[in-house]
Amino acid sequence: MRLARIYSYSDRCRYYWGDPKVQQELTQLRANLDGCPVPPTLLGQYLPSQYEAIRSGRPSRCAEDMIQAHIRTVLRVYAAACGIRTTGSTVPCSCG
């Protein structure tokens, strides 16, 4: 069971996502990431599509913008699997 919990699907977080403590920690994580930007090499390793987008001038290095861009990237994969065509449109920067 322990092994199964460690390697289970990541969507299990939906059970905890709305918890106030989790939301507080996510707010702190975003603030930390905005206060001390992630080094490009680390971005390239863990968020390669966001790294390439930032290198080409879109989106900003704001944590929320990178999160939203990554979500859109993942959703495009799901949409393609369902036969839905998507555009490459972006959402304006949320970091002011």
N, C-alpha and C. Protein backbone atom coordinates (compact mmCIF):
# COMPACT_ATOMS: atom_id res chain seq x y z
N MET A 1 0.82 -1.19 0.00
CA MET A 1 0.00 0.00 0.00
C MET A 1 0.87 1.26 0.00
N ARG A 2 1.94 1.23 0.77
CA ARG A 2 2.82 2.40 0.83
C ARG A 2 3.38 2.72 -0.55
N LEU A 3 3.85 1.70 -1.24
CA LEU A 3 4.40 1.89 -2.59
C LEU A 3 3.32 2.43 -3.53
N ALA A 4 2.12 1.90 -3.42
CA ALA A 4 1.02 2.36 -4.27
C ALA A 4 0.71 3.83 -4.01
N ARG A 5 0.75 4.26 -2.75
CA ARG A 5 0.48 5.67 -2.43
C ARG A 5 1.56 6.58 -2.99
N ILE A 6 2.80 6.14 -2.94
CA ILE A 6 3.90 6.95 -3.43
C ILE A 6 3.80 7.15 -4.94
N TYR A 7 3.43 6.09 -5.67
CA TYR A 7 3.42 6.15 -7.13
C TYR A 7 2.03 6.18 -7.72
N SER A 8 1.04 6.59 -6.94
CA SER A 8 -0.33 6.66 -7.47
C SER A 8 -0.45 7.89 -8.37
N TYR A 9 -1.57 7.99 -9.06
CA TYR A 9 -1.79 9.12 -9.94
C TYR A 9 -1.80 10.43 -9.15
N SER A 10 -1.24 11.45 -9.75
CA SER A 10 -1.10 12.72 -9.05
C SER A 10 -2.42 13.44 -8.83
N ASP A 11 -3.48 13.01 -9.50
CA ASP A 11 -4.76 13.71 -9.32
C ASP A 11 -5.35 13.48 -7.94
N ARG A 12 -4.74 12.65 -7.13
CA ARG A 12 -5.23 12.43 -5.77
C ARG A 12 -5.17 13.71 -4.93
N CYS A 13 -4.38 14.67 -5.38
CA CYS A 13 -4.26 15.92 -4.62
C CYS A 13 -5.59 16.66 -4.57
N ARG A 14 -6.51 16.32 -5.47
CA ARG A 14 -7.81 17.02 -5.47
C ARG A 14 -8.53 16.87 -4.14
N TYR A 15 -8.22 15.82 -3.40
CA TYR A 15 -8.87 15.61 -2.10
C TYR A 15 -8.39 16.62 -1.06
N TYR A 16 -7.22 17.16 -1.24
CA TYR A 16 -6.62 18.06 -0.25
C TYR A 16 -6.50 19.49 -0.74
N TRP A 17 -6.69 19.72 -2.03
CA TRP A 17 -6.42 21.02 -2.64
C TRP A 17 -7.15 22.16 -1.96
N GLY A 18 -8.40 21.96 -1.56
CA GLY A 18 -9.19 23.03 -0.96
C GLY A 18 -8.91 23.27 0.51
N ASP A 19 -8.09 22.46 1.12
CA ASP A 19 -7.78 22.61 2.54
C ASP A 19 -7.09 23.96 2.77
N PRO A 20 -7.54 24.73 3.75
CA PRO A 20 -6.95 26.06 3.99
C PRO A 20 -5.44 26.02 4.22
N LYS A 21 -4.94 25.03 4.91
CA LYS A 21 -3.49 24.94 5.17
C LYS A 21 -2.74 24.71 3.85
N VAL A 22 -3.29 23.87 2.97
CA VAL A 22 -2.66 23.63 1.67
C VAL A 22 -2.65 24.92 0.86
N GLN A 23 -3.76 25.64 0.85
CA GLN A 23 -3.83 26.90 0.12
C GLN A 23 -2.84 27.92 0.68
N GLN A 24 -2.70 27.95 2.00
CA GLN A 24 -1.73 28.87 2.63
C GLN A 24 -0.32 28.52 2.19
N GLU A 25 0.00 27.25 2.15
CA GLU A 25 1.34 26.83 1.73
C GLU A 25 1.58 27.13 0.26
N LEU A 26 0.56 26.97 -0.58
CA LEU A 26 0.71 27.30 -2.00
C LEU A 26 0.95 28.79 -2.20
N THR A 27 0.25 29.61 -1.42
CA THR A 27 0.46 31.05 -1.48
C THR A 27 1.91 31.39 -1.11
N GLN A 28 2.40 30.74 -0.06
CA GLN A 28 3.78 30.98 0.37
C GLN A 28 4.77 30.50 -0.69
N LEU A 29 4.49 29.36 -1.31
CA LEU A 29 5.37 28.84 -2.37
C LEU A 29 5.44 29.82 -3.53
N ARG A 30 4.30 30.34 -3.96
CA ARG A 30 4.30 31.31 -5.07
C ARG A 30 5.09 32.55 -4.69
N ALA A 31 4.91 33.03 -3.47
CA ALA A 31 5.65 34.22 -3.02
C ALA A 31 7.14 33.94 -3.01
N ASN A 32 7.53 32.76 -2.54
CA ASN A 32 8.95 32.40 -2.52
C ASN A 32 9.52 32.33 -3.93
N LEU A 33 8.76 31.74 -4.86
CA LEU A 33 9.24 31.62 -6.24
C LEU A 33 9.34 32.98 -6.91
N ASP A 34 8.42 33.87 -6.60
CA ASP A 34 8.49 35.22 -7.18
C ASP A 34 9.61 36.03 -6.56
N GLY A 35 9.90 35.78 -5.29
CA GLY A 35 10.96 36.52 -4.59
C GLY A 35 12.36 36.06 -4.95
N CYS A 36 12.47 34.83 -5.36
CA CYS A 36 13.77 34.26 -5.73
C CYS A 36 13.55 33.37 -6.95
N PRO A 37 13.62 33.95 -8.15
CA PRO A 37 13.29 33.20 -9.37
C PRO A 37 14.07 31.89 -9.50
N VAL A 38 13.41 30.94 -10.09
CA VAL A 38 14.00 29.62 -10.33
C VAL A 38 15.12 29.78 -11.36
N PRO A 39 16.29 29.19 -11.11
CA PRO A 39 17.39 29.27 -12.08
C PRO A 39 16.98 28.63 -13.41
N PRO A 40 17.43 29.20 -14.52
CA PRO A 40 17.07 28.66 -15.84
C PRO A 40 17.37 27.17 -16.00
N THR A 41 18.48 26.71 -15.44
CA THR A 41 18.82 25.29 -15.59
C THR A 41 17.79 24.40 -14.91
N LEU A 42 17.26 24.84 -13.78
CA LEU A 42 16.24 24.07 -13.07
C LEU A 42 14.92 24.10 -13.84
N LEU A 43 14.59 25.26 -14.40
CA LEU A 43 13.40 25.36 -15.25
C LEU A 43 13.52 24.40 -16.43
N GLY A 44 14.67 24.39 -17.06
CA GLY A 44 14.88 23.52 -18.20
C GLY A 44 14.73 22.05 -17.85
N GLN A 45 15.10 21.69 -16.64
CA GLN A 45 15.01 20.31 -16.21
C GLN A 45 13.58 19.88 -15.89
N TYR A 46 12.83 20.72 -15.19
CA TYR A 46 11.51 20.33 -14.71
C TYR A 46 10.33 20.91 -15.48
N LEU A 47 10.53 22.05 -16.12
CA LEU A 47 9.48 22.68 -16.91
C LEU A 47 10.06 23.09 -18.26
N PRO A 48 10.45 22.12 -19.07
CA PRO A 48 11.16 22.46 -20.32
C PRO A 48 10.37 23.33 -21.28
N SER A 49 9.07 23.15 -21.38
CA SER A 49 8.32 23.99 -22.31
C SER A 49 8.24 25.43 -21.81
N GLN A 50 8.13 25.62 -20.47
CA GLN A 50 8.12 26.97 -19.93
C GLN A 50 9.50 27.62 -20.08
N TYR A 51 10.55 26.82 -19.93
CA TYR A 51 11.91 27.32 -20.12
C TYR A 51 12.08 27.85 -21.55
N GLU A 52 11.63 27.07 -22.52
CA GLU A 52 11.75 27.50 -23.92
C GLU A 52 10.90 28.74 -24.19
N ALA A 53 9.70 28.78 -23.59
CA ALA A 53 8.84 29.95 -23.78
C ALA A 53 9.48 31.20 -23.19
N ILE A 54 10.06 31.07 -22.01
CA ILE A 54 10.71 32.22 -21.36
C ILE A 54 11.91 32.67 -22.18
N ARG A 55 12.65 31.72 -22.72
CA ARG A 55 13.80 32.09 -23.56
C ARG A 55 13.36 32.86 -24.79
N SER A 56 12.16 32.57 -25.28
CA SER A 56 11.69 33.28 -26.47
C SER A 56 10.87 34.52 -26.13
N GLY A 57 10.81 34.85 -24.83
CA GLY A 57 10.16 36.09 -24.42
C GLY A 57 8.73 35.98 -23.95
N ARG A 58 8.20 34.77 -23.78
CA ARG A 58 6.85 34.60 -23.27
C ARG A 58 6.80 33.36 -22.41
N PRO A 59 6.07 33.20 -21.39
CA PRO A 59 5.48 34.25 -20.59
C PRO A 59 6.53 34.81 -19.64
N SER A 60 6.10 35.55 -18.65
CA SER A 60 7.06 36.09 -17.70
C SER A 60 7.56 34.97 -16.79
N ARG A 61 8.51 35.30 -15.92
CA ARG A 61 9.01 34.31 -14.97
C ARG A 61 8.22 34.32 -13.67
N CYS A 62 7.11 35.02 -13.68
CA CYS A 62 6.21 35.04 -12.53
C CYS A 62 5.70 33.62 -12.29
N ALA A 63 5.71 33.19 -11.02
CA ALA A 63 5.31 31.82 -10.68
C ALA A 63 3.91 31.51 -11.20
N GLU A 64 2.96 32.40 -11.00
CA GLU A 64 1.58 32.13 -11.44
C GLU A 64 1.50 31.98 -12.95
N ASP A 65 2.24 32.80 -13.69
CA ASP A 65 2.23 32.69 -15.15
C ASP A 65 2.82 31.36 -15.60
N MET A 66 3.90 30.92 -14.96
CA MET A 66 4.49 29.63 -15.32
C MET A 66 3.55 28.48 -14.99
N ILE A 67 2.88 28.58 -13.85
CA ILE A 67 1.92 27.54 -13.46
C ILE A 67 0.80 27.45 -14.49
N GLN A 68 0.23 28.60 -14.84
CA GLN A 68 -0.88 28.61 -15.79
C GLN A 68 -0.44 28.11 -17.17
N ALA A 69 0.76 28.49 -17.60
CA ALA A 69 1.27 28.02 -18.89
C ALA A 69 1.45 26.51 -18.88
N HIS A 70 1.95 25.97 -17.77
CA HIS A 70 2.14 24.52 -17.68
C HIS A 70 0.80 23.80 -17.69
N ILE A 71 -0.17 24.34 -16.99
CA ILE A 71 -1.52 23.74 -16.99
C ILE A 71 -2.07 23.72 -18.40
N ARG A 72 -1.94 24.84 -19.12
CA ARG A 72 -2.43 24.88 -20.51
C ARG A 72 -1.73 23.85 -21.38
N THR A 73 -0.42 23.67 -21.17
CA THR A 73 0.33 22.67 -21.94
C THR A 73 -0.24 21.28 -21.71
N VAL A 74 -0.48 20.94 -20.46
CA VAL A 74 -1.02 19.62 -20.11
C VAL A 74 -2.43 19.46 -20.67
N LEU A 75 -3.25 20.50 -20.56
CA LEU A 75 -4.61 20.42 -21.06
C LEU A 75 -4.65 20.24 -22.58
N ARG A 76 -3.68 20.81 -23.28
CA ARG A 76 -3.61 20.62 -24.74
C ARG A 76 -3.39 19.15 -25.08
N VAL A 77 -2.61 18.45 -24.27
CA VAL A 77 -2.37 17.02 -24.48
C VAL A 77 -3.69 16.26 -24.33
N TYR A 78 -4.44 16.57 -23.27
CA TYR A 78 -5.73 15.92 -23.06
C TYR A 78 -6.70 16.27 -24.19
N ALA A 79 -6.73 17.52 -24.59
CA ALA A 79 -7.63 17.94 -25.67
C ALA A 79 -7.29 17.21 -26.96
N ALA A 80 -6.00 17.09 -27.27
CA ALA A 80 -5.59 16.38 -28.48
C ALA A 80 -6.03 14.92 -28.43
N ALA A 81 -5.93 14.31 -27.26
CA ALA A 81 -6.35 12.91 -27.12
C ALA A 81 -7.85 12.75 -27.34
N CYS A 82 -8.60 13.83 -27.08
CA CYS A 82 -10.06 13.81 -27.28
C CYS A 82 -10.44 14.30 -28.68
N GLY A 83 -9.45 14.65 -29.48
CA GLY A 83 -9.72 15.12 -30.83
C GLY A 83 -10.13 16.58 -30.89
N ILE A 84 -9.84 17.34 -29.85
CA ILE A 84 -10.19 18.76 -29.81
C ILE A 84 -8.99 19.58 -30.25
N ARG A 85 -9.22 20.47 -31.20
CA ARG A 85 -8.14 21.34 -31.66
C ARG A 85 -8.09 22.56 -30.77
N THR A 86 -6.89 22.97 -30.40
CA THR A 86 -6.73 24.14 -29.55
C THR A 86 -5.84 25.14 -30.24
N THR A 87 -5.91 26.38 -29.75
CA THR A 87 -5.04 27.43 -30.28
C THR A 87 -3.91 27.65 -29.30
N GLY A 88 -2.91 28.34 -29.70
CA GLY A 88 -1.77 28.63 -28.84
C GLY A 88 -1.95 29.93 -28.09
N SER A 89 -3.20 30.35 -27.89
CA SER A 89 -3.42 31.64 -27.23
C SER A 89 -2.92 31.62 -25.80
N THR A 90 -2.58 32.79 -25.34
CA THR A 90 -2.05 32.92 -23.98
C THR A 90 -2.93 33.86 -23.17
N VAL A 91 -2.74 33.81 -21.89
CA VAL A 91 -3.46 34.67 -20.97
C VAL A 91 -2.50 35.77 -20.55
N PRO A 92 -2.97 37.02 -20.43
CA PRO A 92 -2.08 38.10 -20.01
C PRO A 92 -1.40 37.82 -18.68
N CYS A 93 -0.24 38.39 -18.49
CA CYS A 93 0.52 38.23 -17.26
C CYS A 93 -0.31 38.66 -16.07
N SER A 94 -0.25 37.84 -15.02
CA SER A 94 -1.03 38.14 -13.81
C SER A 94 -0.20 38.81 -12.73
N CYS A 95 1.07 39.08 -13.02
CA CYS A 95 1.96 39.55 -11.97
C CYS A 95 2.20 41.05 -11.97
N GLY A 96 1.45 41.76 -12.76
CA GLY A 96 1.59 43.21 -12.72
C GLY A 96 2.83 43.67 -13.25
